[in-house]
N, C-alpha and C. Protein backbone atom coordinates (compact mmCIF):
# COMPACT_ATOMS: atom_id res chain seq x y z
N UNK A 1 101.54 53.37 55.71
CA UNK A 1 101.23 54.79 55.77
C UNK A 1 102.53 55.57 55.95
N UNK A 2 102.63 56.69 55.25
CA UNK A 2 103.81 57.54 55.32
C UNK A 2 103.89 58.22 56.69
N UNK A 3 105.08 58.21 57.27
CA UNK A 3 105.27 58.82 58.58
C UNK A 3 105.23 60.34 58.45
N UNK A 4 104.57 60.99 59.39
CA UNK A 4 104.45 62.44 59.39
C UNK A 4 105.60 63.03 60.19
N UNK A 5 106.54 63.67 59.50
CA UNK A 5 107.69 64.28 60.17
C UNK A 5 107.49 65.77 60.37
N UNK A 6 106.27 66.26 60.16
CA UNK A 6 106.02 67.68 60.28
C UNK A 6 105.94 68.09 61.75
N UNK A 7 105.90 69.38 61.95
CA UNK A 7 105.81 69.94 63.28
C UNK A 7 104.57 69.42 64.01
N UNK A 8 104.76 68.81 65.15
CA UNK A 8 103.67 68.33 66.00
C UNK A 8 102.71 67.39 65.29
N UNK A 9 103.12 66.83 64.14
CA UNK A 9 102.28 65.92 63.34
C UNK A 9 100.96 66.58 62.95
N UNK A 10 101.02 67.88 62.65
CA UNK A 10 99.80 68.63 62.36
C UNK A 10 99.07 68.12 61.12
N UNK A 11 99.80 67.74 60.09
CA UNK A 11 99.11 67.28 58.88
C UNK A 11 98.36 65.97 59.16
N UNK A 12 98.93 65.11 59.98
CA UNK A 12 98.25 63.86 60.34
C UNK A 12 96.98 64.14 61.14
N UNK A 13 97.08 65.05 62.08
CA UNK A 13 95.91 65.42 62.89
C UNK A 13 94.83 65.99 61.99
N UNK A 14 95.21 66.89 61.09
CA UNK A 14 94.25 67.50 60.17
C UNK A 14 93.58 66.44 59.30
N UNK A 15 94.38 65.55 58.74
CA UNK A 15 93.84 64.50 57.87
C UNK A 15 92.94 63.55 58.65
N UNK A 16 93.32 63.20 59.87
CA UNK A 16 92.49 62.32 60.70
C UNK A 16 91.14 62.95 61.03
N UNK A 17 91.08 64.25 61.03
CA UNK A 17 89.83 64.95 61.31
C UNK A 17 89.04 65.22 60.03
N UNK A 18 89.59 64.76 58.91
CA UNK A 18 88.87 64.88 57.64
C UNK A 18 88.82 66.29 57.09
N UNK A 19 89.86 67.07 57.35
CA UNK A 19 89.90 68.46 56.90
C UNK A 19 91.00 68.60 55.86
N UNK A 20 90.68 69.20 54.74
CA UNK A 20 91.69 69.42 53.70
C UNK A 20 92.29 70.81 53.84
N UNK A 21 93.48 70.96 53.28
CA UNK A 21 94.10 72.29 53.28
C UNK A 21 93.23 73.28 52.50
N UNK A 22 92.59 72.80 51.45
CA UNK A 22 91.74 73.68 50.65
C UNK A 22 90.57 74.20 51.48
N UNK A 23 89.99 73.36 52.32
CA UNK A 23 88.90 73.80 53.19
C UNK A 23 89.37 74.89 54.15
N UNK A 24 90.56 74.70 54.71
CA UNK A 24 91.10 75.71 55.63
C UNK A 24 91.38 76.99 54.86
N UNK A 25 91.98 76.87 53.69
CA UNK A 25 92.29 78.04 52.87
C UNK A 25 91.02 78.81 52.52
N UNK A 26 89.97 78.08 52.17
CA UNK A 26 88.71 78.73 51.81
C UNK A 26 88.09 79.47 52.99
N UNK A 27 88.16 78.87 54.18
CA UNK A 27 87.52 79.49 55.34
C UNK A 27 88.36 80.60 55.97
N UNK A 28 89.68 80.52 55.85
CA UNK A 28 90.55 81.51 56.51
C UNK A 28 91.12 82.54 55.55
N UNK A 29 91.08 82.23 54.26
CA UNK A 29 91.70 83.09 53.22
C UNK A 29 93.23 83.11 53.33
N UNK A 30 93.79 82.07 53.96
CA UNK A 30 95.24 81.91 54.04
C UNK A 30 95.65 81.00 52.90
N UNK A 31 96.74 81.34 52.23
CA UNK A 31 97.18 80.53 51.09
C UNK A 31 97.57 79.12 51.54
N UNK A 32 97.38 78.18 50.63
CA UNK A 32 97.77 76.80 50.91
C UNK A 32 99.27 76.73 51.18
N UNK A 33 100.04 77.52 50.48
CA UNK A 33 101.49 77.55 50.70
C UNK A 33 101.83 77.91 52.15
N UNK A 34 101.14 78.89 52.71
CA UNK A 34 101.36 79.29 54.10
C UNK A 34 100.89 78.21 55.06
N UNK A 35 99.77 77.57 54.75
CA UNK A 35 99.26 76.50 55.60
C UNK A 35 100.23 75.31 55.62
N UNK A 36 100.78 74.99 54.45
CA UNK A 36 101.78 73.92 54.38
C UNK A 36 103.03 74.29 55.18
N UNK A 37 103.42 75.55 55.14
CA UNK A 37 104.60 76.00 55.91
C UNK A 37 104.35 75.83 57.40
N UNK A 38 103.14 76.13 57.86
CA UNK A 38 102.81 75.94 59.28
C UNK A 38 102.93 74.47 59.64
N UNK A 39 102.35 73.61 58.82
CA UNK A 39 102.39 72.18 59.11
C UNK A 39 103.82 71.64 59.17
N UNK A 40 104.69 72.18 58.34
CA UNK A 40 106.08 71.71 58.31
C UNK A 40 106.97 72.44 59.31
N UNK A 41 106.44 73.45 59.97
CA UNK A 41 107.24 74.22 60.91
C UNK A 41 108.21 75.16 60.23
N UNK A 42 107.94 75.50 58.99
CA UNK A 42 108.80 76.41 58.22
C UNK A 42 108.25 77.83 58.35
N UNK A 43 108.31 78.35 59.57
CA UNK A 43 107.69 79.62 59.88
C UNK A 43 108.33 80.80 59.16
N UNK A 44 109.57 80.65 58.73
CA UNK A 44 110.25 81.72 58.01
C UNK A 44 109.56 82.00 56.67
N UNK A 45 108.73 81.08 56.20
CA UNK A 45 108.01 81.25 54.94
C UNK A 45 106.71 82.02 55.13
N UNK A 46 106.34 82.30 56.38
CA UNK A 46 105.14 83.08 56.66
C UNK A 46 105.46 84.56 56.53
N UNK A 47 104.44 85.40 56.39
CA UNK A 47 104.69 86.83 56.15
C UNK A 47 105.42 87.56 57.28
N UNK A 48 105.35 87.04 58.48
CA UNK A 48 106.06 87.67 59.60
C UNK A 48 105.14 88.48 60.50
N UNK A 49 105.68 88.83 61.66
CA UNK A 49 104.97 89.66 62.62
C UNK A 49 103.63 89.11 63.05
N UNK A 50 102.69 90.01 63.19
CA UNK A 50 101.36 89.64 63.66
C UNK A 50 100.64 88.74 62.68
N UNK A 51 101.01 88.81 61.40
CA UNK A 51 100.39 87.94 60.40
C UNK A 51 100.72 86.48 60.68
N UNK A 52 101.96 86.20 61.03
CA UNK A 52 102.35 84.82 61.31
C UNK A 52 101.58 84.25 62.48
N UNK A 53 101.49 84.98 63.57
CA UNK A 53 100.78 84.48 64.74
C UNK A 53 99.28 84.35 64.44
N UNK A 54 98.75 85.27 63.66
CA UNK A 54 97.35 85.18 63.28
C UNK A 54 97.09 83.95 62.41
N UNK A 55 97.95 83.69 61.45
CA UNK A 55 97.82 82.51 60.60
C UNK A 55 97.86 81.23 61.44
N UNK A 56 98.80 81.18 62.37
CA UNK A 56 98.95 80.00 63.22
C UNK A 56 97.70 79.78 64.07
N UNK A 57 97.19 80.85 64.65
CA UNK A 57 95.97 80.75 65.47
C UNK A 57 94.79 80.26 64.63
N UNK A 58 94.62 80.84 63.44
CA UNK A 58 93.52 80.45 62.58
C UNK A 58 93.64 78.99 62.14
N UNK A 59 94.84 78.56 61.81
CA UNK A 59 95.07 77.17 61.42
C UNK A 59 94.70 76.24 62.58
N UNK A 60 95.17 76.56 63.78
CA UNK A 60 94.89 75.72 64.95
C UNK A 60 93.39 75.62 65.19
N UNK A 61 92.70 76.72 65.08
CA UNK A 61 91.25 76.70 65.29
C UNK A 61 90.56 75.87 64.21
N UNK A 62 91.06 75.96 63.00
CA UNK A 62 90.44 75.23 61.89
C UNK A 62 90.55 73.72 62.08
N UNK A 63 91.62 73.25 62.72
CA UNK A 63 91.76 71.80 62.93
C UNK A 63 91.43 71.42 64.38
N UNK A 64 90.90 72.37 65.13
CA UNK A 64 90.52 72.15 66.53
C UNK A 64 91.71 71.62 67.33
N UNK A 65 92.79 72.39 67.30
CA UNK A 65 94.04 72.02 67.98
C UNK A 65 94.42 73.15 68.92
N UNK A 66 95.16 72.84 69.96
CA UNK A 66 95.60 73.83 70.94
C UNK A 66 96.57 74.82 70.28
N UNK A 67 96.09 76.04 70.07
CA UNK A 67 96.93 77.02 69.37
C UNK A 67 98.18 77.38 70.16
N UNK A 68 98.13 77.30 71.48
CA UNK A 68 99.31 77.65 72.28
C UNK A 68 100.46 76.67 72.02
N UNK A 69 100.16 75.43 71.69
CA UNK A 69 101.21 74.45 71.41
C UNK A 69 101.95 74.82 70.12
N UNK A 70 101.19 75.21 69.10
CA UNK A 70 101.83 75.59 67.84
C UNK A 70 102.57 76.91 68.01
N UNK A 71 101.96 77.85 68.72
CA UNK A 71 102.62 79.14 68.94
C UNK A 71 103.91 78.98 69.74
N UNK A 72 103.92 78.07 70.70
CA UNK A 72 105.14 77.83 71.47
C UNK A 72 106.26 77.34 70.56
N UNK A 73 105.92 76.44 69.64
CA UNK A 73 106.92 75.96 68.68
C UNK A 73 107.38 77.10 67.76
N UNK A 74 106.44 77.96 67.36
CA UNK A 74 106.78 79.11 66.52
C UNK A 74 107.74 80.04 67.25
N UNK A 75 107.42 80.40 68.49
CA UNK A 75 108.26 81.32 69.24
C UNK A 75 109.63 80.70 69.53
N UNK A 76 109.66 79.41 69.79
CA UNK A 76 110.93 78.74 70.04
C UNK A 76 111.80 78.75 68.78
N UNK A 77 111.20 78.44 67.64
CA UNK A 77 111.97 78.41 66.40
C UNK A 77 112.39 79.79 65.95
N UNK A 78 111.53 80.79 66.18
CA UNK A 78 111.85 82.13 65.73
C UNK A 78 112.75 82.87 66.69
N UNK A 79 112.89 82.33 67.92
CA UNK A 79 113.78 82.95 68.90
C UNK A 79 113.24 84.23 69.49
N UNK A 80 111.93 84.49 69.34
CA UNK A 80 111.37 85.73 69.86
C UNK A 80 110.94 85.62 71.31
N UNK A 81 110.83 84.41 71.81
CA UNK A 81 110.41 84.25 73.19
C UNK A 81 108.92 84.25 73.37
N UNK A 82 108.19 84.76 72.42
CA UNK A 82 106.73 84.73 72.47
C UNK A 82 106.15 85.64 73.52
N UNK A 83 104.88 85.52 73.74
CA UNK A 83 104.18 86.35 74.70
C UNK A 83 103.99 85.66 76.03
N UNK A 84 104.51 84.48 76.20
CA UNK A 84 104.26 83.70 77.40
C UNK A 84 104.84 84.33 78.65
N UNK A 85 105.85 85.14 78.50
CA UNK A 85 106.51 85.73 79.67
C UNK A 85 105.90 87.07 80.05
N UNK A 86 104.78 87.44 79.41
CA UNK A 86 104.13 88.69 79.74
C UNK A 86 104.54 89.77 78.76
N UNK A 87 104.34 91.04 79.13
CA UNK A 87 104.65 92.14 78.21
C UNK A 87 106.09 92.07 77.72
N UNK A 88 106.25 92.23 76.43
CA UNK A 88 107.57 92.18 75.84
C UNK A 88 108.01 90.78 75.47
N UNK A 89 107.27 89.75 75.89
CA UNK A 89 107.57 88.38 75.53
C UNK A 89 108.84 87.84 76.15
N UNK A 90 109.34 88.47 77.20
CA UNK A 90 110.53 87.97 77.86
C UNK A 90 111.80 88.24 77.08
N UNK A 91 111.75 89.18 76.15
CA UNK A 91 112.92 89.45 75.32
C UNK A 91 113.71 90.65 75.81
N UNK A 92 113.44 91.10 77.03
CA UNK A 92 114.21 92.19 77.61
C UNK A 92 113.69 93.56 77.24
N UNK A 93 112.62 93.62 76.47
CA UNK A 93 112.05 94.90 76.09
C UNK A 93 110.74 95.11 76.85
N UNK A 94 110.32 96.36 76.90
CA UNK A 94 109.04 96.60 77.54
C UNK A 94 107.91 96.23 76.58
N UNK A 95 106.67 96.43 77.00
CA UNK A 95 105.55 95.97 76.19
C UNK A 95 105.39 96.74 74.89
N UNK A 96 106.16 97.79 74.69
CA UNK A 96 106.09 98.55 73.45
C UNK A 96 107.27 98.24 72.54
N UNK A 97 107.94 97.11 72.77
CA UNK A 97 109.02 96.67 71.91
C UNK A 97 110.25 97.56 71.97
N UNK A 98 110.48 98.23 73.09
CA UNK A 98 111.65 99.07 73.22
C UNK A 98 111.38 100.53 72.93
N UNK A 99 110.19 100.83 72.43
CA UNK A 99 109.82 102.20 72.14
C UNK A 99 108.91 102.72 73.24
N UNK A 100 109.10 103.96 73.59
CA UNK A 100 108.22 104.55 74.58
C UNK A 100 106.94 105.02 73.90
N UNK A 101 105.80 104.86 74.56
CA UNK A 101 104.57 105.37 73.96
C UNK A 101 104.63 106.89 73.85
N UNK A 102 103.91 107.46 72.91
CA UNK A 102 103.96 108.89 72.64
C UNK A 102 103.64 109.72 73.88
N UNK A 103 102.76 109.22 74.73
CA UNK A 103 102.36 109.98 75.91
C UNK A 103 103.51 110.22 76.89
N UNK A 104 104.56 109.39 76.86
CA UNK A 104 105.69 109.60 77.76
C UNK A 104 106.78 110.44 77.13
N UNK A 105 106.69 110.67 75.85
CA UNK A 105 107.70 111.47 75.16
C UNK A 105 107.39 112.95 75.30
N UNK A 106 106.14 113.28 75.30
CA UNK A 106 105.71 114.70 75.33
C UNK A 106 105.87 115.28 76.70
């Protein structure tokens, strides 16, 4: 059997559970190309921002896997720090990403 060198061995887990990428694509409407990028940990190939985290969450749910584990790898690779540290994701910004909400500007 070919060794799975992908991120967290996600493709092996998916295959062991009898789930195809096409099934996930059909149920989530995420392209197979994006699903393959998640499995390989090539997060830079995802659309970015909230779409990336949404894709990762949907993929994890589709294979019944802990989404926080994949998201942790995503945040580590992307260098954003993620949301684990609370508002702002521990990146030194407030919960509005460095912008003040409109109510404090007026």
